[in-house]
């Protein structure tokens, strides 16, 4: 091999290794953040603000327009949540401002605590 070919090969190997290391570090950071959110303890400090858009007592579901849900790493949006305890739905109606706590359970987002906002 010529010396220039060897140096070109070495430069190529280094150029390919750097982005791979950066990608691997990014993946580790993303995974670490996801794990921390998934294993974060649920407590009342994780309450989020929302507005009730729809209540479906028969299906045990509530549609909420909500702000960020920090314990789930979720941005503001409108979405349907399940509820474990259907009696939570008896205290709200469409248009009510609420505070709630949601967790991910079995692949679904579930409201675990719901109360009128003050």
N, C-alpha and C. Protein backbone atom coordinates (compact mmCIF):
# COMPACT_ATOMS: atom_id res chain seq x y z
N UNK A 1 0.82 -1.17 0.00
CA UNK A 1 0.00 0.00 0.00
C UNK A 1 0.87 1.25 0.00
N UNK A 2 0.42 2.27 -0.65
CA UNK A 2 1.13 3.54 -0.64
C UNK A 2 0.86 4.25 0.69
N UNK A 3 1.79 5.08 1.15
CA UNK A 3 1.57 5.81 2.39
C UNK A 3 0.32 6.70 2.35
N UNK A 4 0.03 7.31 1.21
CA UNK A 4 -1.16 8.17 1.14
C UNK A 4 -2.43 7.34 1.26
N UNK A 5 -2.42 6.15 0.72
CA UNK A 5 -3.60 5.30 0.83
C UNK A 5 -3.83 4.88 2.28
N UNK A 6 -2.75 4.59 2.99
CA UNK A 6 -2.86 4.21 4.39
C UNK A 6 -3.38 5.39 5.23
N UNK A 7 -2.88 6.58 4.98
CA UNK A 7 -3.34 7.73 5.76
C UNK A 7 -4.79 8.07 5.41
N UNK A 8 -5.16 7.86 4.13
CA UNK A 8 -6.55 8.10 3.74
C UNK A 8 -7.46 7.09 4.43
N UNK A 9 -7.04 5.84 4.48
CA UNK A 9 -7.82 4.81 5.16
C UNK A 9 -7.96 5.13 6.65
N UNK A 10 -6.89 5.54 7.29
CA UNK A 10 -6.92 5.88 8.71
C UNK A 10 -7.87 7.06 8.96
N UNK A 11 -7.81 8.06 8.11
CA UNK A 11 -8.69 9.23 8.25
C UNK A 11 -10.15 8.82 8.10
N UNK A 12 -10.41 7.90 7.17
CA UNK A 12 -11.78 7.44 6.95
C UNK A 12 -12.30 6.68 8.17
N UNK A 13 -11.47 5.83 8.74
CA UNK A 13 -11.86 5.07 9.92
C UNK A 13 -12.18 6.02 11.08
N UNK A 14 -11.32 7.03 11.29
CA UNK A 14 -11.57 8.00 12.36
C UNK A 14 -12.84 8.78 12.08
N UNK A 15 -13.05 9.19 10.83
CA UNK A 15 -14.25 9.96 10.48
C UNK A 15 -15.52 9.15 10.70
N UNK A 16 -15.47 7.86 10.47
CA UNK A 16 -16.63 7.00 10.68
C UNK A 16 -16.83 6.69 12.16
N UNK A 17 -15.78 6.61 12.92
CA UNK A 17 -15.88 6.25 14.33
C UNK A 17 -16.47 7.39 15.16
N UNK A 18 -16.16 8.61 14.85
CA UNK A 18 -16.65 9.75 15.64
C UNK A 18 -18.17 9.85 15.59
N UNK A 19 -18.80 9.86 14.39
CA UNK A 19 -20.27 9.94 14.40
C UNK A 19 -20.91 8.74 15.10
N UNK A 20 -20.32 7.56 14.99
CA UNK A 20 -20.87 6.38 15.66
C UNK A 20 -20.85 6.56 17.17
N UNK A 21 -19.78 7.13 17.69
CA UNK A 21 -19.70 7.37 19.13
C UNK A 21 -20.73 8.39 19.58
N UNK A 22 -20.91 9.43 18.76
CA UNK A 22 -21.90 10.46 19.09
C UNK A 22 -23.30 9.87 19.07
N UNK A 23 -23.61 9.06 18.07
CA UNK A 23 -24.92 8.43 17.97
C UNK A 23 -25.14 7.49 19.16
N UNK A 24 -24.14 6.71 19.50
CA UNK A 24 -24.27 5.79 20.63
C UNK A 24 -24.50 6.56 21.93
N UNK A 25 -23.78 7.67 22.13
CA UNK A 25 -23.96 8.48 23.34
C UNK A 25 -25.37 9.07 23.36
N UNK A 26 -25.85 9.55 22.22
CA UNK A 26 -27.21 10.11 22.15
C UNK A 26 -28.24 9.04 22.48
N UNK A 27 -28.05 7.84 21.96
CA UNK A 27 -28.99 6.75 22.24
C UNK A 27 -28.97 6.40 23.72
N UNK A 28 -27.77 6.40 24.33
CA UNK A 28 -27.67 6.12 25.76
C UNK A 28 -28.39 7.19 26.56
N UNK A 29 -28.21 8.45 26.19
CA UNK A 29 -28.87 9.54 26.91
C UNK A 29 -30.38 9.44 26.75
N UNK A 30 -30.86 9.17 25.55
CA UNK A 30 -32.30 9.05 25.33
C UNK A 30 -32.87 7.89 26.13
N UNK A 31 -32.15 6.77 26.12
CA UNK A 31 -32.61 5.60 26.87
C UNK A 31 -32.63 5.89 28.36
N UNK A 32 -31.59 6.56 28.85
CA UNK A 32 -31.53 6.88 30.27
C UNK A 32 -32.70 7.77 30.67
N UNK A 33 -33.02 8.75 29.83
CA UNK A 33 -34.15 9.63 30.12
C UNK A 33 -35.45 8.87 30.11
N UNK A 34 -35.60 7.97 29.15
CA UNK A 34 -36.83 7.18 29.05
C UNK A 34 -36.98 6.28 30.28
N UNK A 35 -35.87 5.66 30.67
CA UNK A 35 -35.94 4.77 31.83
C UNK A 35 -36.29 5.54 33.09
N UNK A 36 -35.69 6.71 33.24
CA UNK A 36 -35.97 7.50 34.43
C UNK A 36 -37.44 7.88 34.48
N UNK A 37 -38.01 8.27 33.33
CA UNK A 37 -39.43 8.65 33.31
C UNK A 37 -40.30 7.43 33.58
N UNK A 38 -39.91 6.30 33.04
CA UNK A 38 -40.73 5.10 33.19
C UNK A 38 -40.70 4.58 34.63
N UNK A 39 -39.57 4.83 35.32
CA UNK A 39 -39.46 4.30 36.68
C UNK A 39 -39.65 5.38 37.73
N UNK A 40 -39.95 6.61 37.30
CA UNK A 40 -40.15 7.70 38.26
C UNK A 40 -41.32 7.36 39.17
N UNK A 41 -41.16 7.60 40.44
CA UNK A 41 -42.27 7.32 41.35
C UNK A 41 -43.44 8.24 41.06
N UNK A 42 -44.63 7.72 41.17
CA UNK A 42 -45.83 8.50 40.96
C UNK A 42 -46.22 9.15 42.27
N UNK A 43 -46.46 10.45 42.22
CA UNK A 43 -46.91 11.12 43.42
C UNK A 43 -47.69 12.36 43.03
N UNK A 44 -48.25 13.02 44.01
CA UNK A 44 -49.11 14.15 43.70
C UNK A 44 -48.33 15.33 43.14
N UNK A 45 -47.01 15.35 43.28
CA UNK A 45 -46.23 16.43 42.69
C UNK A 45 -46.22 16.29 41.16
N UNK A 46 -46.64 15.16 40.66
CA UNK A 46 -46.69 14.93 39.21
C UNK A 46 -48.04 15.31 38.63
N UNK A 47 -48.80 16.13 39.34
CA UNK A 47 -50.12 16.54 38.85
C UNK A 47 -49.94 17.46 37.65
N UNK A 48 -50.80 17.30 36.67
CA UNK A 48 -50.78 18.11 35.45
C UNK A 48 -52.10 18.86 35.34
N UNK A 49 -52.07 19.96 34.62
CA UNK A 49 -53.28 20.75 34.38
C UNK A 49 -53.98 20.25 33.13
N UNK A 50 -55.30 20.29 33.15
CA UNK A 50 -56.06 19.87 31.98
C UNK A 50 -57.45 20.47 31.95
N UNK A 51 -58.10 20.30 30.82
CA UNK A 51 -59.49 20.68 30.66
C UNK A 51 -60.24 19.49 30.11
N UNK A 52 -61.34 19.14 30.75
CA UNK A 52 -62.14 18.00 30.31
C UNK A 52 -62.83 18.37 29.00
N UNK A 53 -62.65 17.53 28.00
CA UNK A 53 -63.31 17.72 26.72
C UNK A 53 -64.50 16.78 26.56
N UNK A 54 -64.36 15.56 27.12
CA UNK A 54 -65.43 14.57 27.00
C UNK A 54 -65.28 13.54 28.12
N UNK A 55 -66.40 13.07 28.62
CA UNK A 55 -66.42 12.02 29.64
C UNK A 55 -67.24 10.86 29.10
N UNK A 56 -66.66 9.66 29.07
CA UNK A 56 -67.36 8.45 28.62
C UNK A 56 -67.35 7.46 29.79
N UNK A 57 -68.39 7.54 30.62
CA UNK A 57 -68.46 6.71 31.83
C UNK A 57 -68.54 5.22 31.50
N UNK A 58 -69.31 4.87 30.47
CA UNK A 58 -69.47 3.45 30.11
C UNK A 58 -68.14 2.81 29.72
N UNK A 59 -67.33 3.54 28.95
CA UNK A 59 -66.05 3.00 28.50
C UNK A 59 -64.92 3.27 29.49
N UNK A 60 -65.23 4.00 30.60
CA UNK A 60 -64.22 4.38 31.58
C UNK A 60 -63.07 5.15 30.93
N UNK A 61 -63.46 6.20 30.14
CA UNK A 61 -62.47 7.02 29.45
C UNK A 61 -62.81 8.49 29.61
N UNK A 62 -61.76 9.31 29.55
CA UNK A 62 -61.92 10.75 29.62
C UNK A 62 -60.99 11.39 28.58
N UNK A 63 -61.49 12.37 27.87
CA UNK A 63 -60.68 13.12 26.92
C UNK A 63 -60.27 14.41 27.59
N UNK A 64 -58.96 14.65 27.64
CA UNK A 64 -58.43 15.84 28.29
C UNK A 64 -57.54 16.62 27.33
N UNK A 65 -57.73 17.93 27.33
CA UNK A 65 -56.75 18.82 26.71
C UNK A 65 -55.82 19.19 27.85
N UNK A 66 -54.56 18.81 27.75
CA UNK A 66 -53.66 18.95 28.89
C UNK A 66 -52.39 19.70 28.54
N UNK A 67 -51.78 20.20 29.60
CA UNK A 67 -50.44 20.78 29.50
C UNK A 67 -49.42 19.66 29.54
N UNK A 68 -48.16 19.99 29.71
CA UNK A 68 -47.12 18.96 29.77
C UNK A 68 -47.38 17.98 30.92
N UNK A 69 -47.12 16.71 30.65
CA UNK A 69 -47.20 15.68 31.69
C UNK A 69 -45.76 15.26 31.96
N UNK A 70 -45.17 15.86 32.97
CA UNK A 70 -43.73 15.71 33.19
C UNK A 70 -43.31 14.28 33.52
N UNK A 71 -44.09 13.56 34.31
CA UNK A 71 -43.67 12.20 34.67
C UNK A 71 -43.72 11.24 33.48
N UNK A 72 -44.43 11.63 32.41
CA UNK A 72 -44.47 10.80 31.20
C UNK A 72 -43.65 11.41 30.06
N UNK A 73 -43.08 12.60 30.30
CA UNK A 73 -42.31 13.27 29.24
C UNK A 73 -43.19 13.64 28.05
N UNK A 74 -44.43 13.99 28.29
CA UNK A 74 -45.40 14.22 27.23
C UNK A 74 -45.68 15.72 27.07
N UNK A 75 -45.67 16.22 25.83
CA UNK A 75 -45.97 17.63 25.59
C UNK A 75 -47.48 17.88 25.66
N UNK A 76 -47.89 19.15 25.68
CA UNK A 76 -49.31 19.48 25.69
C UNK A 76 -50.02 18.93 24.45
N UNK A 77 -51.23 18.43 24.65
CA UNK A 77 -52.05 17.92 23.55
C UNK A 77 -53.43 17.57 24.08
N UNK A 78 -54.30 17.11 23.21
CA UNK A 78 -55.60 16.58 23.61
C UNK A 78 -55.58 15.09 23.32
N UNK A 79 -55.98 14.30 24.30
CA UNK A 79 -55.97 12.85 24.11
C UNK A 79 -56.96 12.17 25.05
N UNK A 80 -57.23 10.92 24.73
CA UNK A 80 -58.15 10.09 25.53
C UNK A 80 -57.32 9.27 26.51
N UNK A 81 -57.77 9.27 27.75
CA UNK A 81 -57.15 8.47 28.81
C UNK A 81 -58.16 7.47 29.32
N UNK A 82 -57.68 6.35 29.79
CA UNK A 82 -58.51 5.41 30.52
C UNK A 82 -58.49 5.81 31.99
N UNK A 83 -59.45 5.32 32.75
CA UNK A 83 -59.43 5.49 34.21
C UNK A 83 -59.62 4.12 34.84
N UNK A 84 -58.88 3.86 35.90
CA UNK A 84 -59.06 2.60 36.64
C UNK A 84 -60.33 2.65 37.46
N UNK A 85 -60.58 3.82 38.03
CA UNK A 85 -61.70 4.00 38.95
C UNK A 85 -62.74 4.90 38.29
N UNK A 86 -63.84 4.30 37.82
CA UNK A 86 -64.88 5.04 37.11
C UNK A 86 -65.52 6.12 37.96
N UNK A 87 -65.44 6.01 39.28
CA UNK A 87 -66.04 7.05 40.13
C UNK A 87 -65.33 8.40 39.97
N UNK A 88 -64.09 8.38 39.48
CA UNK A 88 -63.39 9.64 39.20
C UNK A 88 -64.18 10.48 38.19
N UNK A 89 -64.86 9.81 37.27
CA UNK A 89 -65.58 10.50 36.21
C UNK A 89 -66.87 11.15 36.70
N UNK A 90 -67.36 10.74 37.86
CA UNK A 90 -68.60 11.30 38.41
C UNK A 90 -68.43 12.75 38.88
N UNK A 91 -67.21 13.16 39.13
CA UNK A 91 -66.97 14.49 39.68
C UNK A 91 -66.64 15.56 38.63
N UNK A 92 -66.63 15.18 37.32
CA UNK A 92 -66.26 16.15 36.28
C UNK A 92 -67.22 16.09 35.10
N UNK A 93 -67.20 17.19 34.32
CA UNK A 93 -67.98 17.25 33.08
C UNK A 93 -67.18 18.04 32.06
N UNK A 94 -67.59 17.98 30.80
CA UNK A 94 -66.91 18.71 29.74
C UNK A 94 -66.82 20.18 30.10
N UNK A 95 -65.65 20.76 29.90
CA UNK A 95 -65.41 22.16 30.19
C UNK A 95 -64.75 22.42 31.53
N UNK A 96 -64.77 21.44 32.44
CA UNK A 96 -64.15 21.62 33.75
C UNK A 96 -62.63 21.67 33.64
N UNK A 97 -62.03 22.56 34.42
CA UNK A 97 -60.57 22.62 34.57
C UNK A 97 -60.21 21.65 35.69
N UNK A 98 -59.19 20.83 35.44
CA UNK A 98 -58.81 19.80 36.42
C UNK A 98 -57.30 19.73 36.61
N UNK A 99 -56.93 19.07 37.69
CA UNK A 99 -55.56 18.63 37.92
C UNK A 99 -55.65 17.11 37.93
N UNK A 100 -54.67 16.47 37.30
CA UNK A 100 -54.72 15.01 37.24
C UNK A 100 -53.32 14.43 37.24
N UNK A 101 -53.28 13.16 37.58
CA UNK A 101 -52.04 12.39 37.51
C UNK A 101 -52.30 11.20 36.62
N UNK A 102 -51.45 11.02 35.63
CA UNK A 102 -51.59 9.88 34.72
C UNK A 102 -50.30 9.08 34.71
N UNK A 103 -50.44 7.80 34.49
CA UNK A 103 -49.31 6.89 34.36
C UNK A 103 -49.56 6.00 33.15
N UNK A 104 -48.49 5.37 32.69
CA UNK A 104 -48.63 4.40 31.61
C UNK A 104 -48.76 3.03 32.26
N UNK A 105 -49.80 2.31 31.88
CA UNK A 105 -50.07 1.01 32.47
C UNK A 105 -50.50 0.04 31.38
N UNK A 106 -49.71 -1.01 31.16
CA UNK A 106 -50.06 -2.01 30.16
C UNK A 106 -50.22 -1.43 28.76
N UNK A 107 -49.40 -0.44 28.42
CA UNK A 107 -49.46 0.14 27.08
C UNK A 107 -50.51 1.24 26.92
N UNK A 108 -51.27 1.53 27.97
CA UNK A 108 -52.31 2.57 27.90
C UNK A 108 -51.98 3.68 28.90
N UNK A 109 -52.43 4.87 28.58
CA UNK A 109 -52.30 6.00 29.51
C UNK A 109 -53.54 6.04 30.38
N UNK A 110 -53.32 6.01 31.69
CA UNK A 110 -54.42 5.87 32.64
C UNK A 110 -54.38 7.01 33.66
N UNK A 111 -55.51 7.69 33.82
CA UNK A 111 -55.63 8.70 34.87
C UNK A 111 -55.81 7.98 36.20
N UNK A 112 -54.92 8.27 37.12
CA UNK A 112 -54.94 7.62 38.43
C UNK A 112 -55.55 8.51 39.50
N UNK A 113 -55.47 9.82 39.28
CA UNK A 113 -56.00 10.78 40.24
C UNK A 113 -56.56 11.96 39.45
N UNK A 114 -57.71 12.48 39.89
CA UNK A 114 -58.38 13.57 39.17
C UNK A 114 -59.09 14.44 40.18
N UNK A 115 -58.87 15.74 40.09
CA UNK A 115 -59.53 16.66 41.01
C UNK A 115 -59.77 18.00 40.32
N UNK A 116 -60.82 18.71 40.74
CA UNK A 116 -61.08 20.03 40.17
C UNK A 116 -59.90 20.96 40.44
N UNK A 117 -59.58 21.81 39.46
CA UNK A 117 -58.52 22.79 39.65
C UNK A 117 -59.04 23.93 40.50
N UNK A 118 -58.21 24.52 41.29
CA UNK A 118 -58.65 25.63 42.17
C UNK A 118 -58.24 26.94 41.59
